[in-house]
Every structure is written in structure tokens, then in C-alpha cells.
C-alpha atoms as a PDB file:
ATOM      1  CA  THR A   1      15.598  46.635 131.016  1.00  0.00           C
ATOM      2  CA  GLY A   2      12.848  49.345 131.298  1.00  0.00           C
ATOM      3  CA  LYS A   3      15.233  51.463 133.383  1.00  0.00           C
ATOM      4  CA  VAL A   4      18.014  51.072 130.900  1.00  0.00           C
ATOM      5  CA  ASP A   5      15.662  51.924 128.048  1.00  0.00           C
ATOM      6  CA  LYS A   6      14.658  54.979 129.835  1.00  0.00           C
ATOM      7  CA  LEU A   7      18.178  56.257 130.333  1.00  0.00           C
ATOM      8  CA  LEU A   8      18.886  55.663 126.573  1.00  0.00           C
ATOM      9  CA  LYS A   9      15.866  57.657 125.600  1.00  0.00           C
ATOM     10  CA  GLN A  10      16.960  60.526 127.908  1.00  0.00           C
ATOM     11  CA  LYS A  11      20.497  60.315 126.373  1.00  0.00           C
ATOM     12  CA  GLY A  12      22.051  58.921 129.724  1.00  0.00           C
ATOM     13  CA  PRO A  13      21.778  59.258 133.399  1.00  0.00           C
ATOM     14  CA  PHE A  14      21.843  62.531 135.247  1.00  0.00           C
ATOM     15  CA  PRO A  15      25.370  63.536 136.348  1.00  0.00           C
ATOM     16  CA  CYS A  16      25.494  61.763 139.834  1.00  0.00           C
ATOM     17  CA  LEU A  17      28.614  59.646 139.978  1.00  0.00           C
ATOM     18  CA  SER A  18      30.618  60.215 143.296  1.00  0.00           C
ATOM     19  CA  TYR A  19      33.469  57.872 143.266  1.00  0.00           C
ATOM     20  CA  SER A  20      37.074  59.031 143.242  1.00  0.00           C
ATOM     21  CA  THR A  21      38.783  59.784 140.055  1.00  0.00           C
ATOM     22  CA  ILE A  22      42.414  60.792 139.007  1.00  0.00           C
ATOM     23  CA  ARG A  23      41.041  64.393 139.471  1.00  0.00           C
ATOM     24  CA  ASP A  24      40.878  63.766 143.265  1.00  0.00           C
ATOM     25  CA  LEU A  25      44.435  62.594 143.303  1.00  0.00           C
ATOM     26  CA  LEU A  26      45.677  65.543 141.267  1.00  0.00           C
ATOM     27  CA  ASP A  27      43.821  67.989 143.455  1.00  0.00           C
ATOM     28  CA  ALA A  28      45.187  66.410 146.700  1.00  0.00           C
ATOM     29  CA  ARG A  29      48.774  67.003 145.441  1.00  0.00           C
ATOM     30  CA  SER A  30      47.924  70.224 144.038  1.00  0.00           C
ATOM     31  CA  VAL A  31      48.784  69.173 140.607  1.00  0.00           C
ATOM     32  CA  SER A  32      47.322  71.398 137.979  1.00  0.00           C
ATOM     33  CA  TRP A  33      45.036  69.839 135.237  1.00  0.00           C
ATOM     34  CA  LYS A  34      42.567  70.752 132.608  1.00  0.00           C
ATOM     35  CA  TYR A  35      40.201  68.987 130.268  1.00  0.00           C
ATOM     36  CA  TYR A  36      40.013  70.519 126.778  1.00  0.00           C
ATOM     37  CA  SER A  37      36.510  69.682 125.651  1.00  0.00           C
ATOM     38  CA  PRO A  38      34.877  70.513 122.292  1.00  0.00           C
ATOM     39  CA  PRO A  39      31.561  72.460 122.403  1.00  0.00           C
ATOM     40  CA  ILE A  40      28.625  70.193 121.506  1.00  0.00           C
ATOM     41  CA  SER A  41      25.087  71.117 121.306  1.00  0.00           C
ATOM     42  CA  GLY A  42      23.603  70.455 124.505  1.00  0.00           C
ATOM     43  CA  GLY A  43      26.867  70.396 126.536  1.00  0.00           C
ATOM     44  CA  GLU A  44      30.650  70.577 126.590  1.00  0.00           C
ATOM     45  CA  GLY A  45      31.786  67.175 124.989  1.00  0.00           C
ATOM     46  CA  LYS A  46      28.696  65.403 126.219  1.00  0.00           C
ATOM     47  CA  LEU A  47      29.289  61.690 126.381  1.00  0.00           C
ATOM     48  CA  TRP A  48      32.919  62.252 125.465  1.00  0.00           C
ATOM     49  CA  ASN A  49      33.540  64.421 128.404  1.00  0.00           C
ATOM     50  CA  ALA A  50      34.253  61.981 131.323  1.00  0.00           C
ATOM     51  CA  PHE A  51      33.927  64.647 133.952  1.00  0.00           C
ATOM     52  CA  ASP A  52      30.276  65.464 132.739  1.00  0.00           C
ATOM     53  CA  ALA A  53      29.200  62.536 134.971  1.00  0.00           C
ATOM     54  CA  ILE A  54      31.374  63.222 137.978  1.00  0.00           C
ATOM     55  CA  LYS A  55      29.323  65.307 140.586  1.00  0.00           C
ATOM     56  CA  ALA A  56      32.340  66.820 142.379  1.00  0.00           C
ATOM     57  CA  VAL A  57      33.517  68.466 139.042  1.00  0.00           C
ATOM     58  CA  ARG A  58      30.236  68.986 137.228  1.00  0.00           C
ATOM     59  CA  TYR A  59      28.760  71.106 140.051  1.00  0.00           C
ATOM     60  CA  SER A  60      31.856  72.870 141.300  1.00  0.00           C
ATOM     61  CA  SER A  61      34.043  75.844 140.097  1.00  0.00           C
ATOM     62  CA  GLU A  62      36.079  73.297 138.290  1.00  0.00           C
ATOM     63  CA  TRP A  63      33.471  73.017 135.567  1.00  0.00           C
ATOM     64  CA  GLY A  64      34.267  76.006 133.115  1.00  0.00           C
ATOM     65  CA  THR A  65      37.699  76.485 134.394  1.00  0.00           C
ATOM     66  CA  ASN A  66      39.442  73.000 134.660  1.00  0.00           C
ATOM     67  CA  VAL A  67      36.804  71.723 132.104  1.00  0.00           C
ATOM     68  CA  THR A  68      36.846  74.135 129.172  1.00  0.00           C
ATOM     69  CA  SER A  69      34.259  74.920 126.576  1.00  0.00           C
ATOM     70  CA  SER A  70      36.728  74.886 123.692  1.00  0.00           C
ATOM     71  CA  ASN A  71      39.436  72.311 122.951  1.00  0.00           C
ATOM     72  CA  ALA A  72      41.184  74.970 120.670  1.00  0.00           C
ATOM     73  CA  GLN A  73      41.909  76.806 124.153  1.00  0.00           C
ATOM     74  CA  ILE A  74      44.887  74.638 124.519  1.00  0.00           C
ATOM     75  CA  PHE A  75      46.781  76.777 121.891  1.00  0.00           C
ATOM     76  CA  THR A  76      46.020  80.000 123.837  1.00  0.00           C
ATOM     77  CA  ASP A  77      47.284  78.324 127.075  1.00  0.00           C
ATOM     78  CA  ILE A  78      50.556  77.179 125.448  1.00  0.00           C
ATOM     79  CA  THR A  79      51.143  80.641 123.986  1.00  0.00           C
ATOM     80  CA  TYR A  80      50.538  82.504 127.281  1.00  0.00           C
ATOM     81  CA  ASN A  81      52.460  79.670 129.513  1.00  0.00           C
ATOM     82  CA  GLN A  82      49.279  78.641 131.146  1.00  0.00           C
ATOM     83  CA  LEU A  83      49.407  75.082 130.199  1.00  0.00           C
ATOM     84  CA  PRO A  84      48.534  72.765 133.456  1.00  0.00           C
ATOM     85  CA  ALA A  85      50.715  70.021 134.466  1.00  0.00           C
ATOM     86  CA  VAL A  86      48.172  67.385 133.093  1.00  0.00           C
ATOM     87  CA  SER A  87      45.974  67.968 130.112  1.00  0.00           C
ATOM     88  CA  TRP A  88      43.301  65.821 128.271  1.00  0.00           C
ATOM     89  CA  VAL A  89      42.417  67.055 124.770  1.00  0.00           C
ATOM     90  CA  VAL A  90      39.336  65.759 123.128  1.00  0.00           C
ATOM     91  CA  PRO A  91      39.040  66.530 119.235  1.00  0.00           C
ATOM     92  CA  ASP A  92      36.031  68.025 117.518  1.00  0.00           C
ATOM     93  CA  ARG A  93      34.095  65.437 115.489  1.00  0.00           C
ATOM     94  CA  GLU A  94      35.774  66.792 112.167  1.00  0.00           C
ATOM     95  CA  GLU A  95      39.215  66.133 113.607  1.00  0.00           C
ATOM     96  CA  SER A  96      38.512  62.764 115.407  1.00  0.00           C
ATOM     97  CA  ASP A  97      39.894  60.486 112.773  1.00  0.00           C
ATOM     98  CA  HIS A  98      36.749  58.329 112.791  1.00  0.00           C
ATOM     99  CA  PRO A  99      36.200  56.490 109.410  1.00  0.00           C
ATOM    100  CA  GLY A 100      33.708  57.844 107.053  1.00  0.00           C
ATOM    101  CA  PRO A 101      33.003  60.990 105.001  1.00  0.00           C
ATOM    102  CA  GLY A 102      34.243  64.297 105.908  1.00  0.00           C
ATOM    103  CA  PRO A 103      37.135  66.490 106.130  1.00  0.00           C
ATOM    104  CA  ASP A 104      40.534  64.755 106.625  1.00  0.00           C
ATOM    105  CA  LEU A 105      41.511  67.113 109.520  1.00  0.00           C
ATOM    106  CA  GLY A 106      42.749  64.464 112.164  1.00  0.00           C
ATOM    107  CA  PRO A 107      46.444  64.310 111.236  1.00  0.00           C
ATOM    108  CA  SER A 108      46.849  68.084 110.872  1.00  0.00           C
ATOM    109  CA  TRP A 109      44.976  68.490 114.292  1.00  0.00           C
ATOM    110  CA  ILE A 110      47.358  66.218 116.005  1.00  0.00           C
ATOM    111  CA  ALA A 111      50.395  67.795 114.246  1.00  0.00           C
ATOM    112  CA  SER A 112      49.320  71.212 115.159  1.00  0.00           C
ATOM    113  CA  LEU A 113      49.146  70.309 118.747  1.00  0.00           C
ATOM    114  CA  VAL A 114      52.473  68.673 118.766  1.00  0.00           C
ATOM    115  CA  ASN A 115      54.156  71.444 116.879  1.00  0.00           C
ATOM    116  CA  ALA A 116      52.659  74.024 119.453  1.00  0.00           C
ATOM    117  CA  ILE A 117      54.155  72.089 122.402  1.00  0.00           C
ATOM    118  CA  GLY A 118      57.491  71.418 120.440  1.00  0.00           C
ATOM    119  CA  GLU A 119      57.917  75.181 119.529  1.00  0.00           C
ATOM    120  CA  SER A 120      57.395  76.202 123.109  1.00  0.00           C
ATOM    121  CA  SER A 121      59.184  76.312 126.370  1.00  0.00           C
ATOM    122  CA  TYR A 122      57.168  73.157 127.430  1.00  0.00           C
ATOM    123  CA  TRP A 123      58.913  70.880 125.053  1.00  0.00           C
ATOM    124  CA  ASP A 124      61.775  69.786 127.438  1.00  0.00           C
ATOM    125  CA  SER A 125      59.391  68.718 130.065  1.00  0.00           C
ATOM    126  CA  THR A 126      56.310  67.288 128.361  1.00  0.00           C
ATOM    127  CA  ALA A 127      55.196  63.970 127.213  1.00  0.00           C
ATOM    128  CA  ILE A 128      52.350  63.857 124.675  1.00  0.00           C
ATOM    129  CA  VAL A 129      50.409  60.574 124.610  1.00  0.00           C
ATOM    130  CA  ILE A 130      48.271  60.235 121.328  1.00  0.00           C
ATOM    131  CA  LEU A 131      45.674  57.633 121.773  1.00  0.00           C
ATOM    132  CA  TRP A 132      42.598  56.653 119.997  1.00  0.00           C
ATOM    133  CA  ASP A 133      39.424  55.102 121.780  1.00  0.00           C
ATOM    134  CA  ASP A 134      38.808  52.203 119.345  1.00  0.00           C
ATOM    135  CA  TRP A 135      40.415  50.200 116.626  1.00  0.00           C
ATOM    136  CA  GLY A 136      38.229  51.635 113.949  1.00  0.00           C
ATOM    137  CA  GLY A 137      36.671  48.333 112.879  1.00  0.00           C
ATOM    138  CA  PHE A 138      39.590  47.318 110.838  1.00  0.00           C
ATOM    139  CA  TYR A 139      41.134  43.696 110.906  1.00  0.00           C
ATOM    140  CA  ASP A 140      43.424  42.855 113.825  1.00  0.00           C
ATOM    141  CA  ASN A 141      45.145  39.490 113.653  1.00  0.00           C
ATOM    142  CA  ALA A 142      45.982  39.546 117.510  1.00  0.00           C
ATOM    143  CA  GLN A 143      43.255  37.823 119.719  1.00  0.00           C
ATOM    144  CA  PRO A 144      42.170  40.194 122.401  1.00  0.00           C
ATOM    145  CA  PRO A 145      43.024  38.853 125.982  1.00  0.00           C
ATOM    146  CA  PHE A 146      40.273  38.659 128.619  1.00  0.00           C
ATOM    147  CA  PHE A 147      40.867  39.354 132.315  1.00  0.00           C
ATOM    148  CA  ASP A 148      37.531  40.162 133.831  1.00  0.00           C
ATOM    149  CA  HIS A 149      33.733  39.861 133.746  1.00  0.00           C
ATOM    150  CA  TRP A 150      33.272  42.977 131.536  1.00  0.00           C
ATOM    151  CA  GLY A 151      34.805  41.574 128.372  1.00  0.00           C
ATOM    152  CA  GLY A 152      38.402  42.152 129.189  1.00  0.00           C
ATOM    153  CA  LEU A 153      40.755  44.012 126.703  1.00  0.00           C
ATOM    154  CA  GLY A 154      39.397  44.666 123.227  1.00  0.00           C
ATOM    155  CA  PHE A 155      41.126  45.009 119.932  1.00  0.00           C
ATOM    156  CA  ARG A 156      44.529  46.846 119.778  1.00  0.00           C
ATOM    157  CA  VAL A 157      44.407  50.466 119.389  1.00  0.00           C
ATOM    158  CA  PRO A 158      47.340  52.693 118.286  1.00  0.00           C
ATOM    159  CA  LEU A 159      49.353  54.641 120.947  1.00  0.00           C
ATOM    160  CA  LEU A 160      52.198  57.252 120.158  1.00  0.00           C
ATOM    161  CA  VAL A 161      54.504  58.666 122.641  1.00  0.00           C
ATOM    162  CA  VAL A 162      56.210  62.004 121.613  1.00  0.00           C
ATOM    163  CA  SER A 163      58.778  63.428 123.984  1.00  0.00           C
ATOM    164  CA  PRO A 164      62.272  64.705 123.860  1.00  0.00           C
ATOM    165  CA  TYR A 165      62.954  61.575 126.203  1.00  0.00           C
ATOM    166  CA  SER A 166      61.029  58.989 124.103  1.00  0.00           C
ATOM    167  CA  ARG A 167      63.235  55.876 124.043  1.00  0.00           C
ATOM    168  CA  GLU A 168      65.234  55.314 120.911  1.00  0.00           C
ATOM    169  CA  ALA A 169      65.361  52.235 118.836  1.00  0.00           C
ATOM    170  CA  ILE A 170      69.105  52.121 118.848  1.00  0.00           C
ATOM    171  CA  PRO A 171      71.431  54.875 120.058  1.00  0.00           C
ATOM    172  CA  SER A 172      70.600  58.274 118.128  1.00  0.00           C
ATOM    173  CA  GLN A 173      67.889  56.638 116.159  1.00  0.00           C
ATOM    174  CA  PRO A 174      64.084  57.417 117.122  1.00  0.00           C
ATOM    175  CA  GLY A 175      61.466  54.948 116.233  1.00  0.00           C
ATOM    176  CA  TYR A 176      61.243  52.576 119.282  1.00  0.00           C
ATOM    177  CA  ILE A 177      58.466  50.020 119.287  1.00  0.00           C
ATOM    178  CA  SER A 178      57.266  48.665 122.634  1.00  0.00           C
ATOM    179  CA  THR A 179      56.345  45.234 122.947  1.00  0.00           C
ATOM    180  CA  THR A 180      54.855  45.786 126.329  1.00  0.00           C
ATOM    181  CA  GLN A 181      51.142  45.060 126.782  1.00  0.00           C
ATOM    182  CA  TYR A 182      49.421  48.289 127.720  1.00  0.00           C
ATOM    183  CA  GLU A 183      45.783  49.266 128.323  1.00  0.00           C
ATOM    184  CA  PHE A 184      44.061  52.482 129.018  1.00  0.00           C
ATOM    185  CA  ALA A 185      44.805  52.428 132.602  1.00  0.00           C
ATOM    186  CA  SER A 186      48.588  52.185 131.711  1.00  0.00           C
ATOM    187  CA  ILE A 187      48.449  55.966 130.878  1.00  0.00           C
ATOM    188  CA  LEU A 188      46.837  56.459 134.320  1.00  0.00           C
ATOM    189  CA  LYS A 189      49.371  54.545 136.014  1.00  0.00           C
ATOM    190  CA  PHE A 190      52.287  56.607 134.416  1.00  0.00           C
ATOM    191  CA  MET A 191      50.586  59.765 135.699  1.00  0.00           C
ATOM    192  CA  GLU A 192      50.310  58.496 139.147  1.00  0.00           C
ATOM    193  CA  GLU A 193      53.973  57.458 139.202  1.00  0.00           C
ATOM    194  CA  THR A 194      55.213  60.711 137.547  1.00  0.00           C
ATOM    195  CA  PHE A 195      53.535  62.879 140.116  1.00  0.00           C
ATOM    196  CA  ASN A 196      53.462  60.686 143.019  1.00  0.00           C
ATOM    197  CA  LEU A 197      49.911  60.693 143.355  1.00  0.00           C
ATOM    198  CA  GLY A 198      49.218  57.275 145.006  1.00  0.00           C
ATOM    199  CA  ASN A 199      46.572  55.377 143.320  1.00  0.00           C
ATOM    200  CA  LEU A 200      42.798  54.865 143.181  1.00  0.00           C
ATOM    201  CA  GLY A 201      42.922  51.123 144.186  1.00  0.00           C
ATOM    202  CA  THR A 202      41.293  49.829 141.140  1.00  0.00           C
ATOM    203  CA  PRO A 203      42.109  46.442 139.705  1.00  0.00           C
ATOM    204  CA  GLN A 204      42.870  48.063 136.350  1.00  0.00           C
ATOM    205  CA  GLU A 205      45.756  50.041 137.977  1.00  0.00           C
ATOM    206  CA  ALA A 206      47.044  46.911 139.656  1.00  0.00           C
ATOM    207  CA  ARG A 207      47.043  44.986 136.406  1.00  0.00           C
ATOM    208  CA  ALA A 208      48.281  47.530 133.971  1.00  0.00           C
ATOM    209  CA  ASN A 209      51.816  48.174 132.937  1.00  0.00           C
ATOM    210  CA  SER A 210      52.822  51.693 132.986  1.00  0.00           C
ATOM    211  CA  ILE A 211      54.007  53.337 129.694  1.00  0.00           C
ATOM    212  CA  GLY A 212      57.173  54.429 131.592  1.00  0.00           C
ATOM    213  CA  ASP A 213      59.440  52.107 129.589  1.00  0.00           C
ATOM    214  CA  CYS A 214      58.704  54.130 126.588  1.00  0.00           C
ATOM    215  CA  PHE A 215      61.074  56.784 127.965  1.00  0.00           C
ATOM    216  CA  ASP A 216      64.807  57.168 128.698  1.00  0.00           C
ATOM    217  CA  PHE A 217      65.350  59.901 130.985  1.00  0.00           C
ATOM    218  CA  THR A 218      69.118  59.398 130.902  1.00  0.00           C
ATOM    219  CA  GLN A 219      69.284  60.293 127.156  1.00  0.00           C
ATOM    220  CA  GLN A 220      70.097  63.857 126.052  1.00  0.00           C
ATOM    221  CA  PRO A 221      66.668  65.617 125.395  1.00  0.00           C
ATOM    222  CA  ARG A 222      65.812  65.194 121.678  1.00  0.00           C
ATOM    223  CA  PRO A 223      65.446  68.708 119.808  1.00  0.00           C
ATOM    224  CA  PHE A 224      62.175  69.225 118.335  1.00  0.00           C
ATOM    225  CA  GLN A 225      61.501  68.739 114.567  1.00  0.00           C
ATOM    226  CA  GLN A 226      58.465  70.512 113.124  1.00  0.00           C
ATOM    227  CA  ILE A 227      55.747  67.994 111.771  1.00  0.00           C
ATOM    228  CA  SER A 228      54.437  69.108 108.414  1.00  0.00           C
ATOM    229  CA  SER A 229      50.684  69.262 107.921  1.00  0.00           C
ATOM    230  CA  SER A 230      48.128  70.395 105.577  1.00  0.00           C
ATOM    231  CA  TYR A 231      46.346  72.665 107.929  1.00  0.00           C
ATOM    232  CA  SER A 232      47.889  74.960 110.492  1.00  0.00           C
ATOM    233  CA  LYS A 233      47.417  75.828 114.141  1.00  0.00           C
ATOM    234  CA  SER A 234      45.801  79.175 113.000  1.00  0.00           C
ATOM    235  CA  PHE A 235      43.258  77.111 111.053  1.00  0.00           C
ATOM    236  CA  PHE A 236      42.198  75.196 114.016  1.00  0.00           C
ATOM    237  CA  MET A 237      42.214  78.267 116.308  1.00  0.00           C
ATOM    238  CA  HIS A 238      39.846  80.077 114.110  1.00  0.00           C
ATOM    239  CA  LYS A 239      37.766  77.181 112.693  1.00  0.00           C
ATOM    240  CA  ALA A 240      34.258  77.023 113.888  1.00  0.00           C
ATOM    241  CA  PRO A 241      33.414  74.034 115.867  1.00  0.00           C
ATOM    242  CA  SER A 242      31.042  71.385 114.238  1.00  0.00           C
ATOM    243  CA  ARG A 243      29.026  71.052 117.576  1.00  0.00           C
ATOM    244  CA  LEU A 244      28.494  67.457 116.732  1.00  0.00           C
ATOM    245  CA  PRO A 245      29.201  64.507 118.996  1.00  0.00           C
ATOM    246  CA  VAL A 246      32.613  63.025 118.684  1.00  0.00           C
ATOM    247  CA  ASP A 247      31.272  59.734 117.583  1.00  0.00           C
ATOM    248  CA  ASP A 248      27.583  58.577 117.016  1.00  0.00           C
ATOM    249  CA  GLU A 249      27.701  55.581 119.298  1.00  0.00           C
END
């Protein structure tokens, strides 16, 4: 208990984790990747930058190149055809969709990202997975399933798949709703299958269902339709970062 208290007071352990991550699988196959992290006082993304705790990334040339100091850099990379094969994008606190007071920038932030991809040459070969890290504290009538000794799966969180190959509800009608049970490892599994990466051998990977059934790669690629939003891509490219943690937990 004393050790845990000490770590909390020091805001977490020193980056030292050495186990393999999806980064190792991507690098082994020479699949490009980038983690677009918002600048936060004291670090890039802090607790919400997963690679901050992975020694092989934190203390290598990938820190500052594959891991960026600005999440808005993704717009520049799209414009100059420098988008990697795999991207993670973490929002700024003001764009995070967390309940509470503050500007309602979340929907426009997501719309701007989707529009930037949709209006670029990347559209026909890109899958955009929009995911939230928790359920927001609102009521959910579905009882969470439990599978392991760490609490199992929790309350359901939203997931949106945007792609020219997203499965249609019926022919020529978008709006498919999957009834497959997914978890966070489902996205990992889809990445592994898409790029023929192999796997990390975790029980979560073995258990999870891939999100691959959300796609129909035999259908004609759907043309992009711009999403209307209150704030434009230019607004987010020039907006000063809040430098606040994405969440206060």
C-alpha cells in the first residue's frame, strides 16, 4: 500500500515497461505508425499517451517522431500525404467529449478528422474507428460480462466505424448496427489481421472478436459525404491547446 501511495503522489511510475506491444508487431513488418498526442503540461499526453510508459518507445528516436507533440499534426500529415498506415489520435481535453462544463468541441473535432480523410486520397483505403474510453457515467441496461480476475468487461462504450467499405444495413443503405460483442482488443485484432502482423499472445486477443464483420470489401466503395460541423478543420489547426489532461481521473 505504501508503494502504491508513493506512486500516486509522484503521479505514476517512471517509464520502465518492457513488454511487447502492437508497436513491436508493426515495426517488425515495417508498417508505419504514429501516435498523435496532445501537448499537456509536463509531457505529451501524460497518462493518456500509452507509449509514455513503454521504454522501447519513450527512450528511442520514435519518441517525437512516431509519437507527436501535437494531435493537430494529423491534419498536416493528411495534406502532405504523410499519413502512416496506422494512426492513433487522442483529443485535447476541450475536444474529449467528457461530460461537464466547457466548450462543445468534441463532435466538430471528430467531424473535422473524418472530413479531412474523406476529402483526401486516403478515403478509399482507410478505416476510421471512433471510440470512447468509458461510458460517461450514464445508465446502461445491459449487465457487463465478466471473464477474468481484473473485473472483466465493463459498461458498453460507443464505437463508430467510418469507411467506404462499412457494411450496409441493406443493399445501398448505410446504417449497419453490429450485434457482435466487441472489446478494446477487437480493434487490436483487426489491425493484426489487416496487416498480417501475427499477435502478442494475450488472452484478450484470443478472446476478442475482430471488428472485421463491420466491413464488406466486396461492395463498391461508398463515395464520401462531408459531415457538417460547427467548427472547421482550420479552427482546430490554429486553436491553442488547453495543455490539460484529457481526463482528471
